[in-house]
Amino acid sequence: MATIDGVIDPIYFLITSIAFVILSYLHYRKVGKSLETIYLSILAIFFVICFIILNIY
C-alpha cells in the first residue's frame, strides 16, 4: 500500500499493467482493433516501463 510519504511500491505498477493487458486482450476479442484497444495497450506498456524504471532506481 502507498505510505503517507508518497512512496508507491513498484509491484502496484506491475499489477496494473497486467490488468491493462487483460483488459486490452478482452476488448480486442470483443471489438477488434479500435482506438480504445490501442489506448489500453499503450497504458499497459507505460506501466511496465514505470515498473522497470522503479526497480532500477
Protein backbone atom coordinates (compact mmCIF):
# COMPACT_ATOMS: atom_id res chain seq x y z
CA MET A 1 0.00 0.00 0.00
CA ALA A 2 1.15 3.55 -0.60
CA THR A 3 2.53 5.16 2.52
CA ILE A 4 1.81 8.65 3.75
CA ASP A 5 5.16 9.93 2.44
CA GLY A 6 4.07 9.30 -1.16
CA VAL A 7 6.14 6.19 -1.90
CA ILE A 8 4.36 3.71 -4.18
CA ASP A 9 5.69 0.16 -4.32
CA PRO A 10 6.70 -0.93 -7.84
CA ILE A 11 4.60 -4.09 -7.61
CA TYR A 12 1.45 -1.98 -7.98
CA PHE A 13 2.67 -0.84 -11.39
CA LEU A 14 3.17 -4.47 -12.41
CA ILE A 15 -0.29 -5.47 -11.19
CA THR A 16 -1.87 -2.54 -13.02
CA SER A 17 -0.03 -3.31 -16.23
CA ILE A 18 -1.17 -6.95 -16.10
CA ALA A 19 -4.74 -5.73 -15.62
CA PHE A 20 -4.40 -3.43 -18.65
CA VAL A 21 -3.03 -6.31 -20.73
CA ILE A 22 -6.01 -8.48 -19.78
CA LEU A 23 -8.46 -5.66 -20.49
CA SER A 24 -6.91 -4.87 -23.85
CA TYR A 25 -6.98 -8.56 -24.82
CA LEU A 26 -10.65 -8.92 -23.85
CA HIS A 27 -11.54 -5.69 -25.62
CA TYR A 28 -9.64 -6.76 -28.75
CA ARG A 29 -11.50 -10.08 -28.81
CA LYS A 30 -14.88 -8.37 -28.43
CA VAL A 31 -14.48 -5.27 -30.64
CA GLY A 32 -11.34 -5.80 -32.68
CA LYS A 33 -8.71 -3.20 -33.31
CA SER A 34 -10.03 0.14 -32.15
CA LEU A 35 -8.82 3.32 -30.52
CA GLU A 36 -9.69 2.01 -27.05
CA THR A 37 -7.70 -1.18 -27.61
CA ILE A 38 -4.66 0.82 -28.69
CA TYR A 39 -5.08 3.12 -25.68
CA LEU A 40 -5.23 0.19 -23.24
CA SER A 41 -2.17 -1.38 -24.86
CA ILE A 42 -0.21 1.87 -24.57
CA LEU A 43 -1.18 2.16 -20.90
CA ALA A 44 0.00 -1.41 -20.29
CA ILE A 45 3.36 -0.67 -21.92
CA PHE A 46 3.67 2.59 -19.96
CA PHE A 47 3.07 0.86 -16.62
CA VAL A 48 5.56 -1.91 -17.45
CA ILE A 49 8.17 0.73 -18.26
CA CYS A 50 7.39 2.52 -14.97
CA PHE A 51 7.77 -0.79 -13.12
CA ILE A 52 11.16 -1.43 -14.72
CA ILE A 53 12.39 2.11 -14.03
CA LEU A 54 11.31 1.97 -10.38
CA ASN A 55 13.10 -1.35 -9.90
CA ILE A 56 16.34 0.02 -11.33
CA TYR A 57 16.46 3.05 -9.05
